[in-house]
Amino acid sequence: MIRIILASLFLLTTLQARENPFFPAKGEKEMPLTSNSVITIQPLQRSSIALPSSARVIKKVIIEYENLDASVDTRTIKLNNSVDWHLPIFVSQNIAESQPIKSAPTSKKKQTKKVQKYKKIATTKFVSFYAEDKNLKIITKDKLIRNFLLVQPHRIVLDFKKDASLKSYIKKIPSSPFSKIRVGNHDGYYRAVIELDGQYRYKMKKISNGYLFTLR
């Protein structure tokens, strides 16, 4: 009898009891936990992000979100679209904005080509400047001997051959990619500096009455 009691006590001492049966034991895979606690978070209405002036193409959009179990995942939308950095990018969950936009019925008539309307933004004795969107038309009889781009701020420098006296000229142009124009006299030429409202490249084209510059 004593032997049976001693054997039973030995077996009881070797058993591993779980301190808390509601938590997994060693070796068991832990399951993700969820919580019923209410956390007040402001619903998404509309948010925006501004792009730097060097942005030209949006490649993809990554959304990072939190799941019920507090894990974090991401979803990616691949894009390849040109963007205007002057305008913000919006993120919204507005039902009205999510409705598909009905395309207007296409007319059988040939679409007329958009006529560019240049507006005079600055003028001096020997040169005048006309702008339309990202195009700058420079009307002058003088030869352009060099042109180059400088940064901080981004500006186009133009040197025109002319041996003449010219007063310094400065003109600010609000709400235009060509934000300021400065013209000054030098020995044998005069210089026009066109300050830009952001980072651009440009291409130049000789036209009948001057030069055409297009920002890119």
C-alpha atoms as a PDB file:
ATOM      1  CA  MET A   1       0.000   0.000   0.000  1.00  0.00           C
ATOM      2  CA  ILE A   2       2.790   2.404   0.918  1.00  0.00           C
ATOM      3  CA  ARG A   3       4.496   1.626  -2.410  1.00  0.00           C
ATOM      4  CA  ILE A   4       1.335   2.526  -4.338  1.00  0.00           C
ATOM      5  CA  ILE A   5       0.991   5.864  -2.487  1.00  0.00           C
ATOM      6  CA  LEU A   6       4.656   6.774  -3.108  1.00  0.00           C
ATOM      7  CA  ALA A   7       4.332   5.932  -6.830  1.00  0.00           C
ATOM      8  CA  SER A   8       1.227   8.131  -7.157  1.00  0.00           C
ATOM      9  CA  LEU A   9       2.974  11.089  -5.474  1.00  0.00           C
ATOM     10  CA  PHE A  10       5.957  10.724  -7.831  1.00  0.00           C
ATOM     11  CA  LEU A  11       3.703  10.786 -10.911  1.00  0.00           C
ATOM     12  CA  LEU A  12       1.883  13.920  -9.670  1.00  0.00           C
ATOM     13  CA  THR A  13       5.122  15.843  -9.149  1.00  0.00           C
ATOM     14  CA  THR A  14       6.310  15.150 -12.700  1.00  0.00           C
ATOM     15  CA  LEU A  15       3.156  16.573 -14.351  1.00  0.00           C
ATOM     16  CA  GLN A  16       3.405  20.167 -15.773  1.00  0.00           C
ATOM     17  CA  ALA A  17       0.318  22.159 -14.915  1.00  0.00           C
ATOM     18  CA  ARG A  18      -0.636  25.232 -16.949  1.00  0.00           C
ATOM     19  CA  GLU A  19      -0.790  28.338 -14.832  1.00  0.00           C
ATOM     20  CA  ASN A  20      -3.507  29.921 -16.983  1.00  0.00           C
ATOM     21  CA  PRO A  21      -5.557  27.665 -19.300  1.00  0.00           C
ATOM     22  CA  PHE A  22      -6.670  30.668 -21.343  1.00  0.00           C
ATOM     23  CA  PHE A  23      -3.162  31.296 -22.770  1.00  0.00           C
ATOM     24  CA  PRO A  24      -1.345  28.896 -25.107  1.00  0.00           C
ATOM     25  CA  ALA A  25       1.201  26.489 -23.691  1.00  0.00           C
ATOM     26  CA  LYS A  26       4.751  26.250 -24.989  1.00  0.00           C
ATOM     27  CA  GLY A  27       4.915  24.908 -28.508  1.00  0.00           C
ATOM     28  CA  GLU A  28       1.378  25.920 -29.357  1.00  0.00           C
ATOM     29  CA  LYS A  29       0.879  28.450 -32.149  1.00  0.00           C
ATOM     30  CA  GLU A  30      -0.325  31.796 -30.851  1.00  0.00           C
ATOM     31  CA  MET A  31      -3.504  33.011 -32.476  1.00  0.00           C
ATOM     32  CA  PRO A  32      -3.971  36.713 -33.282  1.00  0.00           C
ATOM     33  CA  LEU A  33      -6.001  38.516 -30.647  1.00  0.00           C
ATOM     34  CA  THR A  34      -8.761  40.994 -31.343  1.00  0.00           C
ATOM     35  CA  SER A  35     -10.252  43.512 -29.008  1.00  0.00           C
ATOM     36  CA  ASN A  36     -13.762  44.840 -28.512  1.00  0.00           C
ATOM     37  CA  SER A  37     -12.488  48.080 -26.972  1.00  0.00           C
ATOM     38  CA  VAL A  38     -13.872  51.121 -28.785  1.00  0.00           C
ATOM     39  CA  ILE A  39     -11.264  53.598 -30.062  1.00  0.00           C
ATOM     40  CA  THR A  40     -12.657  56.812 -31.503  1.00  0.00           C
ATOM     41  CA  ILE A  41     -10.903  57.724 -34.775  1.00  0.00           C
ATOM     42  CA  GLN A  42     -12.027  60.504 -37.052  1.00  0.00           C
ATOM     43  CA  PRO A  43     -13.550  59.084 -40.270  1.00  0.00           C
ATOM     44  CA  LEU A  44     -11.660  59.774 -43.472  1.00  0.00           C
ATOM     45  CA  GLN A  45     -13.234  62.658 -45.345  1.00  0.00           C
ATOM     46  CA  ARG A  46     -10.629  64.244 -47.570  1.00  0.00           C
ATOM     47  CA  SER A  47      -6.899  64.687 -47.254  1.00  0.00           C
ATOM     48  CA  SER A  48      -4.305  66.067 -49.618  1.00  0.00           C
ATOM     49  CA  ILE A  49      -0.580  66.000 -50.254  1.00  0.00           C
ATOM     50  CA  ALA A  50       1.452  68.610 -52.126  1.00  0.00           C
ATOM     51  CA  LEU A  51       4.173  67.543 -54.543  1.00  0.00           C
ATOM     52  CA  PRO A  52       7.520  69.287 -55.015  1.00  0.00           C
ATOM     53  CA  SER A  53       8.025  71.371 -58.132  1.00  0.00           C
ATOM     54  CA  SER A  54      10.322  68.691 -59.565  1.00  0.00           C
ATOM     55  CA  ALA A  55       7.457  66.137 -59.784  1.00  0.00           C
ATOM     56  CA  ARG A  56       6.284  65.287 -63.297  1.00  0.00           C
ATOM     57  CA  VAL A  57       5.009  61.661 -63.257  1.00  0.00           C
ATOM     58  CA  ILE A  58       3.161  59.801 -60.479  1.00  0.00           C
ATOM     59  CA  LYS A  59       4.265  56.150 -60.524  1.00  0.00           C
ATOM     60  CA  LYS A  60       2.237  54.520 -57.734  1.00  0.00           C
ATOM     61  CA  VAL A  61       0.163  55.144 -54.605  1.00  0.00           C
ATOM     62  CA  ILE A  62       0.737  53.089 -51.440  1.00  0.00           C
ATOM     63  CA  ILE A  63      -1.998  52.901 -48.769  1.00  0.00           C
ATOM     64  CA  GLU A  64      -0.934  51.626 -45.352  1.00  0.00           C
ATOM     65  CA  TYR A  65      -3.830  50.459 -43.153  1.00  0.00           C
ATOM     66  CA  GLU A  66      -4.424  48.764 -39.804  1.00  0.00           C
ATOM     67  CA  ASN A  67      -6.518  45.578 -39.491  1.00  0.00           C
ATOM     68  CA  LEU A  68      -8.836  44.499 -36.670  1.00  0.00           C
ATOM     69  CA  ASP A  69      -6.042  42.519 -35.027  1.00  0.00           C
ATOM     70  CA  ALA A  70      -3.789  45.638 -35.060  1.00  0.00           C
ATOM     71  CA  SER A  71      -1.561  44.215 -37.780  1.00  0.00           C
ATOM     72  CA  VAL A  72      -0.509  46.635 -40.525  1.00  0.00           C
ATOM     73  CA  ASP A  73      -0.704  45.908 -44.261  1.00  0.00           C
ATOM     74  CA  THR A  74      -0.353  47.898 -47.468  1.00  0.00           C
ATOM     75  CA  ARG A  75      -2.112  48.091 -50.807  1.00  0.00           C
ATOM     76  CA  THR A  76      -0.456  49.558 -53.895  1.00  0.00           C
ATOM     77  CA  ILE A  77      -2.016  51.203 -56.930  1.00  0.00           C
ATOM     78  CA  LYS A  78       0.374  51.281 -59.855  1.00  0.00           C
ATOM     79  CA  LEU A  79       0.094  54.389 -62.004  1.00  0.00           C
ATOM     80  CA  ASN A  80       2.072  56.069 -64.733  1.00  0.00           C
ATOM     81  CA  ASN A  81       0.453  59.446 -65.229  1.00  0.00           C
ATOM     82  CA  SER A  82       1.718  62.962 -65.687  1.00  0.00           C
ATOM     83  CA  VAL A  83       0.908  65.401 -62.892  1.00  0.00           C
ATOM     84  CA  ASP A  84       0.865  69.150 -62.424  1.00  0.00           C
ATOM     85  CA  TRP A  85       2.793  69.852 -59.232  1.00  0.00           C
ATOM     86  CA  HIS A  86       0.860  73.087 -58.742  1.00  0.00           C
ATOM     87  CA  LEU A  87      -2.212  71.002 -57.813  1.00  0.00           C
ATOM     88  CA  PRO A  88      -2.417  68.758 -54.698  1.00  0.00           C
ATOM     89  CA  ILE A  89      -3.124  65.011 -54.756  1.00  0.00           C
ATOM     90  CA  PHE A  90      -6.350  64.181 -52.864  1.00  0.00           C
ATOM     91  CA  VAL A  91      -7.279  61.083 -50.841  1.00  0.00           C
ATOM     92  CA  SER A  92     -11.010  60.824 -50.230  1.00  0.00           C
ATOM     93  CA  GLN A  93     -13.738  58.361 -49.270  1.00  0.00           C
ATOM     94  CA  ASN A  94     -16.598  60.576 -50.346  1.00  0.00           C
ATOM     95  CA  ILE A  95     -19.330  58.521 -51.992  1.00  0.00           C
ATOM     96  CA  ALA A  96     -20.231  61.295 -54.410  1.00  0.00           C
ATOM     97  CA  GLU A  97     -16.609  61.597 -55.587  1.00  0.00           C
ATOM     98  CA  SER A  98     -16.302  57.824 -56.062  1.00  0.00           C
ATOM     99  CA  GLN A  99     -19.132  57.685 -58.632  1.00  0.00           C
ATOM    100  CA  PRO A 100     -17.885  57.012 -62.164  1.00  0.00           C
ATOM    101  CA  ILE A 101     -17.716  60.083 -64.364  1.00  0.00           C
ATOM    102  CA  LYS A 102     -19.920  59.788 -67.406  1.00  0.00           C
ATOM    103  CA  SER A 103     -18.018  60.632 -70.518  1.00  0.00           C
ATOM    104  CA  ALA A 104     -19.581  63.200 -72.775  1.00  0.00           C
ATOM    105  CA  PRO A 105     -20.868  61.854 -76.080  1.00  0.00           C
ATOM    106  CA  THR A 106     -18.294  62.224 -78.779  1.00  0.00           C
ATOM    107  CA  SER A 107     -19.261  64.502 -81.607  1.00  0.00           C
ATOM    108  CA  LYS A 108     -18.770  63.428 -85.176  1.00  0.00           C
ATOM    109  CA  LYS A 109     -17.530  66.898 -86.013  1.00  0.00           C
ATOM    110  CA  LYS A 110     -13.817  67.383 -86.100  1.00  0.00           C
ATOM    111  CA  GLN A 111     -12.476  68.934 -82.938  1.00  0.00           C
ATOM    112  CA  THR A 112     -11.049  72.364 -83.541  1.00  0.00           C
ATOM    113  CA  LYS A 113      -7.431  72.853 -82.589  1.00  0.00           C
ATOM    114  CA  LYS A 114      -6.903  74.935 -79.468  1.00  0.00           C
ATOM    115  CA  VAL A 115      -5.785  78.423 -80.352  1.00  0.00           C
ATOM    116  CA  GLN A 116      -3.033  79.673 -78.077  1.00  0.00           C
ATOM    117  CA  LYS A 117      -3.742  83.123 -76.681  1.00  0.00           C
ATOM    118  CA  TYR A 118      -0.542  84.825 -75.607  1.00  0.00           C
ATOM    119  CA  LYS A 119      -0.655  87.646 -73.097  1.00  0.00           C
ATOM    120  CA  LYS A 120       2.002  90.331 -72.928  1.00  0.00           C
ATOM    121  CA  ILE A 121       3.675  90.091 -69.509  1.00  0.00           C
ATOM    122  CA  ALA A 122       6.691  92.377 -69.929  1.00  0.00           C
ATOM    123  CA  THR A 123       8.239  94.700 -72.463  1.00  0.00           C
ATOM    124  CA  THR A 124      11.381  96.837 -72.836  1.00  0.00           C
ATOM    125  CA  LYS A 125      12.897  98.943 -75.597  1.00  0.00           C
ATOM    126  CA  PHE A 126      14.321  96.014 -77.575  1.00  0.00           C
ATOM    127  CA  VAL A 127      12.393  92.917 -76.424  1.00  0.00           C
ATOM    128  CA  SER A 128       8.857  91.913 -75.420  1.00  0.00           C
ATOM    129  CA  PHE A 129       7.634  88.821 -73.561  1.00  0.00           C
ATOM    130  CA  TYR A 130       4.335  87.009 -74.154  1.00  0.00           C
ATOM    131  CA  ALA A 131       3.160  84.036 -72.051  1.00  0.00           C
ATOM    132  CA  GLU A 132       0.539  81.326 -72.508  1.00  0.00           C
ATOM    133  CA  ASP A 133       0.522  78.532 -69.928  1.00  0.00           C
ATOM    134  CA  LYS A 134       4.086  77.102 -69.996  1.00  0.00           C
ATOM    135  CA  ASN A 135       5.034  78.800 -73.252  1.00  0.00           C
ATOM    136  CA  LEU A 136       7.026  82.031 -73.412  1.00  0.00           C
ATOM    137  CA  LYS A 137       7.255  83.886 -76.711  1.00  0.00           C
ATOM    138  CA  ILE A 138      10.055  86.446 -76.919  1.00  0.00           C
ATOM    139  CA  ILE A 139       9.658  89.033 -79.675  1.00  0.00           C
ATOM    140  CA  THR A 140      12.895  90.754 -80.665  1.00  0.00           C
ATOM    141  CA  LYS A 141      15.033  91.594 -83.698  1.00  0.00           C
ATOM    142  CA  ASP A 142      18.228  90.896 -81.772  1.00  0.00           C
ATOM    143  CA  LYS A 143      20.203  87.686 -82.015  1.00  0.00           C
ATOM    144  CA  LEU A 144      20.227  85.310 -79.070  1.00  0.00           C
ATOM    145  CA  ILE A 145      23.896  84.474 -78.533  1.00  0.00           C
ATOM    146  CA  ARG A 146      23.490  82.089 -75.567  1.00  0.00           C
ATOM    147  CA  ASN A 147      20.924  80.635 -73.195  1.00  0.00           C
ATOM    148  CA  PHE A 148      21.298  78.442 -70.105  1.00  0.00           C
ATOM    149  CA  LEU A 149      19.527  77.369 -66.927  1.00  0.00           C
ATOM    150  CA  LEU A 150      20.540  78.266 -63.367  1.00  0.00           C
ATOM    151  CA  VAL A 151      19.127  76.908 -60.111  1.00  0.00           C
ATOM    152  CA  GLN A 152      18.246  78.207 -56.648  1.00  0.00           C
ATOM    153  CA  PRO A 153      15.990  79.636 -57.882  1.00  0.00           C
ATOM    154  CA  HIS A 154      15.453  78.036 -61.273  1.00  0.00           C
ATOM    155  CA  ARG A 155      15.851  80.697 -63.946  1.00  0.00           C
ATOM    156  CA  ILE A 156      16.548  80.931 -67.657  1.00  0.00           C
ATOM    157  CA  VAL A 157      19.325  83.292 -68.672  1.00  0.00           C
ATOM    158  CA  LEU A 158      19.251  84.798 -72.181  1.00  0.00           C
ATOM    159  CA  ASP A 159      21.911  87.012 -73.731  1.00  0.00           C
ATOM    160  CA  PHE A 160      20.995  89.092 -76.790  1.00  0.00           C
ATOM    161  CA  LYS A 161      23.602  90.765 -78.974  1.00  0.00           C
ATOM    162  CA  LYS A 162      23.159  94.541 -78.861  1.00  0.00           C
ATOM    163  CA  ASP A 163      25.590  97.367 -78.222  1.00  0.00           C
ATOM    164  CA  ALA A 164      23.171  99.915 -76.800  1.00  0.00           C
ATOM    165  CA  SER A 165      22.297 101.639 -73.563  1.00  0.00           C
ATOM    166  CA  LEU A 166      19.448 100.028 -71.666  1.00  0.00           C
ATOM    167  CA  LYS A 167      18.047 100.800 -68.238  1.00  0.00           C
ATOM    168  CA  SER A 168      17.637  97.935 -65.775  1.00  0.00           C
ATOM    169  CA  TYR A 169      14.134  96.493 -65.842  1.00  0.00           C
ATOM    170  CA  ILE A 170      12.319  94.235 -63.319  1.00  0.00           C
ATOM    171  CA  LYS A 171       8.774  92.913 -63.609  1.00  0.00           C
ATOM    172  CA  LYS A 172       7.004  90.432 -61.298  1.00  0.00           C
ATOM    173  CA  ILE A 173       4.299  88.270 -62.863  1.00  0.00           C
ATOM    174  CA  PRO A 174       1.897  86.693 -60.320  1.00  0.00           C
ATOM    175  CA  SER A 175       0.160  83.365 -61.029  1.00  0.00           C
ATOM    176  CA  SER A 176       2.536  82.468 -63.848  1.00  0.00           C
ATOM    177  CA  PRO A 177       5.324  79.896 -64.260  1.00  0.00           C
ATOM    178  CA  PHE A 178       7.452  82.878 -65.348  1.00  0.00           C
ATOM    179  CA  SER A 179       7.352  84.617 -61.968  1.00  0.00           C
ATOM    180  CA  LYS A 180       9.835  87.450 -62.601  1.00  0.00           C
ATOM    181  CA  ILE A 181      11.645  88.963 -65.575  1.00  0.00           C
ATOM    182  CA  ARG A 182      14.803  91.056 -65.248  1.00  0.00           C
ATOM    183  CA  VAL A 183      16.619  92.791 -68.083  1.00  0.00           C
ATOM    184  CA  GLY A 184      20.000  94.492 -67.741  1.00  0.00           C
ATOM    185  CA  ASN A 185      22.637  96.013 -70.013  1.00  0.00           C
ATOM    186  CA  HIS A 186      26.171  94.597 -70.503  1.00  0.00           C
ATOM    187  CA  ASP A 187      29.121  95.385 -72.747  1.00  0.00           C
ATOM    188  CA  GLY A 188      28.056  94.325 -76.233  1.00  0.00           C
ATOM    189  CA  TYR A 189      24.869  92.557 -75.178  1.00  0.00           C
ATOM    190  CA  TYR A 190      21.900  92.765 -72.846  1.00  0.00           C
ATOM    191  CA  ARG A 191      20.743  89.952 -70.551  1.00  0.00           C
ATOM    192  CA  ALA A 192      17.205  88.806 -69.763  1.00  0.00           C
ATOM    193  CA  VAL A 193      16.708  86.579 -66.722  1.00  0.00           C
ATOM    194  CA  ILE A 194      13.375  84.750 -66.447  1.00  0.00           C
ATOM    195  CA  GLU A 195      12.802  83.416 -62.937  1.00  0.00           C
ATOM    196  CA  LEU A 196      10.528  80.362 -62.721  1.00  0.00           C
ATOM    197  CA  ASP A 197       8.061  79.402 -59.994  1.00  0.00           C
ATOM    198  CA  GLY A 198       9.559  75.904 -59.631  1.00  0.00           C
ATOM    199  CA  GLN A 199      11.915  73.353 -61.157  1.00  0.00           C
ATOM    200  CA  TYR A 200      11.698  72.954 -64.918  1.00  0.00           C
ATOM    201  CA  ARG A 201      13.565  71.977 -68.020  1.00  0.00           C
ATOM    202  CA  TYR A 202      12.934  73.859 -71.233  1.00  0.00           C
ATOM    203  CA  LYS A 203      13.234  73.637 -74.971  1.00  0.00           C
ATOM    204  CA  MET A 204      13.839  76.542 -77.323  1.00  0.00           C
ATOM    205  CA  LYS A 205      12.610  77.127 -80.854  1.00  0.00           C
ATOM    206  CA  LYS A 206      13.505  79.914 -83.274  1.00  0.00           C
ATOM    207  CA  ILE A 207      10.429  81.599 -84.733  1.00  0.00           C
ATOM    208  CA  SER A 208      10.037  84.257 -87.410  1.00  0.00           C
ATOM    209  CA  ASN A 209       9.873  87.223 -85.044  1.00  0.00           C
ATOM    210  CA  GLY A 210      11.890  85.932 -82.110  1.00  0.00           C
ATOM    211  CA  TYR A 211      12.133  82.814 -79.944  1.00  0.00           C
ATOM    212  CA  LEU A 212       9.735  80.405 -78.276  1.00  0.00           C
ATOM    213  CA  PHE A 213      10.544  78.722 -74.949  1.00  0.00           C
ATOM    214  CA  THR A 214       8.461  75.826 -73.589  1.00  0.00           C
ATOM    215  CA  LEU A 215       8.796  74.573 -70.019  1.00  0.00           C
ATOM    216  CA  ARG A 216       8.713  70.850 -69.309  1.00  0.00           C
END
